[in-house]
Amino acid sequence: MPTSSISRKVLIQKFHSLGFEGPISGGKHQFMKKDALKVRIPNPHSSGEIHISLLKEILHQAGISWDEWSAA
């Protein structure tokens, strides 16, 4: 488990390896899509790093366990 943060690029790469498409533009935020599930991802113009607490929230919304995330 990362201790503090990961890059947006790594987040997108891992979502791709888990079968998600995107990022797709949608209003103020971009999102990743898998079937009918849409998961918002942080704005690319933010600091560039995603804090571990936000990553956990994103994974929860996507229904991805930490083990699945780590294996991707």
C-alpha atoms as a PDB file:
ATOM      1  CA  MET A   1       0.000   0.000   0.000  1.00  0.00           C
ATOM      2  CA  PRO A   2       1.368   3.434  -0.852  1.00  0.00           C
ATOM      3  CA  THR A   3       2.076   5.419   2.259  1.00  0.00           C
ATOM      4  CA  SER A   4       0.982   8.911   1.219  1.00  0.00           C
ATOM      5  CA  SER A   5       0.032   9.401  -2.445  1.00  0.00           C
ATOM      6  CA  ILE A   6       0.141   8.139  -6.029  1.00  0.00           C
ATOM      7  CA  SER A   7       0.239   9.980  -9.330  1.00  0.00           C
ATOM      8  CA  ARG A   8      -2.849  10.483 -11.493  1.00  0.00           C
ATOM      9  CA  LYS A   9      -1.033   8.656 -14.301  1.00  0.00           C
ATOM     10  CA  VAL A  10      -0.633   5.526 -12.147  1.00  0.00           C
ATOM     11  CA  LEU A  11      -4.303   5.743 -11.112  1.00  0.00           C
ATOM     12  CA  ILE A  12      -5.395   5.752 -14.768  1.00  0.00           C
ATOM     13  CA  GLN A  13      -3.005   2.926 -15.722  1.00  0.00           C
ATOM     14  CA  LYS A  14      -4.308   0.727 -12.920  1.00  0.00           C
ATOM     15  CA  PHE A  15      -7.938   1.440 -13.828  1.00  0.00           C
ATOM     16  CA  HIS A  16      -7.159   0.461 -17.431  1.00  0.00           C
ATOM     17  CA  SER A  17      -5.653  -2.815 -16.240  1.00  0.00           C
ATOM     18  CA  LEU A  18      -8.866  -3.437 -14.264  1.00  0.00           C
ATOM     19  CA  GLY A  19     -10.974  -3.055 -17.428  1.00  0.00           C
ATOM     20  CA  PHE A  20     -12.032   0.587 -17.203  1.00  0.00           C
ATOM     21  CA  GLU A  21     -12.155   2.981 -20.176  1.00  0.00           C
ATOM     22  CA  GLY A  22     -11.194   6.619 -20.075  1.00  0.00           C
ATOM     23  CA  PRO A  23     -10.568   9.131 -18.820  1.00  0.00           C
ATOM     24  CA  ILE A  24     -13.721  10.603 -20.340  1.00  0.00           C
ATOM     25  CA  SER A  25     -14.618  14.281 -19.969  1.00  0.00           C
ATOM     26  CA  GLY A  26     -17.809  15.048 -18.142  1.00  0.00           C
ATOM     27  CA  GLY A  27     -18.475  18.503 -16.743  1.00  0.00           C
ATOM     28  CA  LYS A  28     -16.045  19.546 -14.028  1.00  0.00           C
ATOM     29  CA  HIS A  29     -14.494  16.105 -13.583  1.00  0.00           C
ATOM     30  CA  GLN A  30     -13.257  13.336 -15.796  1.00  0.00           C
ATOM     31  CA  PHE A  31     -14.362   9.791 -15.140  1.00  0.00           C
ATOM     32  CA  MET A  32     -13.427   6.194 -15.848  1.00  0.00           C
ATOM     33  CA  LYS A  33     -16.125   3.844 -17.112  1.00  0.00           C
ATOM     34  CA  LYS A  34     -16.666   0.077 -16.938  1.00  0.00           C
ATOM     35  CA  ASP A  35     -20.010  -1.165 -18.234  1.00  0.00           C
ATOM     36  CA  ALA A  36     -22.638   1.018 -16.472  1.00  0.00           C
ATOM     37  CA  LEU A  37     -20.282   2.073 -13.655  1.00  0.00           C
ATOM     38  CA  LYS A  38     -18.772   5.568 -13.788  1.00  0.00           C
ATOM     39  CA  VAL A  39     -16.090   6.622 -11.309  1.00  0.00           C
ATOM     40  CA  ARG A  40     -15.005  10.256 -11.087  1.00  0.00           C
ATOM     41  CA  ILE A  41     -11.277  10.841 -10.985  1.00  0.00           C
ATOM     42  CA  PRO A  42      -9.420  13.936  -9.786  1.00  0.00           C
ATOM     43  CA  ASN A  43      -8.950  16.900 -12.063  1.00  0.00           C
ATOM     44  CA  PRO A  44      -5.699  16.781 -14.079  1.00  0.00           C
ATOM     45  CA  HIS A  45      -5.014  20.406 -13.166  1.00  0.00           C
ATOM     46  CA  SER A  46      -4.777  19.712  -9.454  1.00  0.00           C
ATOM     47  CA  SER A  47      -1.503  19.025  -7.658  1.00  0.00           C
ATOM     48  CA  GLY A  48      -0.909  15.836  -9.668  1.00  0.00           C
ATOM     49  CA  GLU A  49      -0.691  13.573  -6.631  1.00  0.00           C
ATOM     50  CA  ILE A  50      -3.662  11.686  -5.200  1.00  0.00           C
ATOM     51  CA  HIS A  51      -3.624  11.239  -1.438  1.00  0.00           C
ATOM     52  CA  ILE A  52      -4.138   7.700  -0.141  1.00  0.00           C
ATOM     53  CA  SER A  53      -7.416   8.653   1.598  1.00  0.00           C
ATOM     54  CA  LEU A  54      -8.886   9.889  -1.705  1.00  0.00           C
ATOM     55  CA  LEU A  55      -7.611   6.759  -3.472  1.00  0.00           C
ATOM     56  CA  LYS A  56      -9.415   4.570  -0.921  1.00  0.00           C
ATOM     57  CA  GLU A  57     -12.641   6.536  -1.489  1.00  0.00           C
ATOM     58  CA  ILE A  58     -12.332   6.173  -5.279  1.00  0.00           C
ATOM     59  CA  LEU A  59     -11.726   2.427  -4.954  1.00  0.00           C
ATOM     60  CA  HIS A  60     -14.726   2.070  -2.654  1.00  0.00           C
ATOM     61  CA  GLN A  61     -16.956   3.856  -5.194  1.00  0.00           C
ATOM     62  CA  ALA A  62     -15.632   1.572  -7.941  1.00  0.00           C
ATOM     63  CA  GLY A  63     -16.149  -1.580  -5.863  1.00  0.00           C
ATOM     64  CA  ILE A  64     -12.462  -2.476  -6.110  1.00  0.00           C
ATOM     65  CA  SER A  65     -10.816  -4.193  -3.159  1.00  0.00           C
ATOM     66  CA  TRP A  66      -7.321  -3.281  -2.045  1.00  0.00           C
ATOM     67  CA  ASP A  67      -6.123  -6.753  -3.080  1.00  0.00           C
ATOM     68  CA  GLU A  68      -7.515  -6.292  -6.616  1.00  0.00           C
ATOM     69  CA  TRP A  69      -5.880  -2.853  -6.806  1.00  0.00           C
ATOM     70  CA  SER A  70      -2.530  -4.167  -5.633  1.00  0.00           C
ATOM     71  CA  ALA A  71      -2.602  -7.036  -8.141  1.00  0.00           C
ATOM     72  CA  ALA A  72      -3.423  -4.757 -11.103  1.00  0.00           C
END
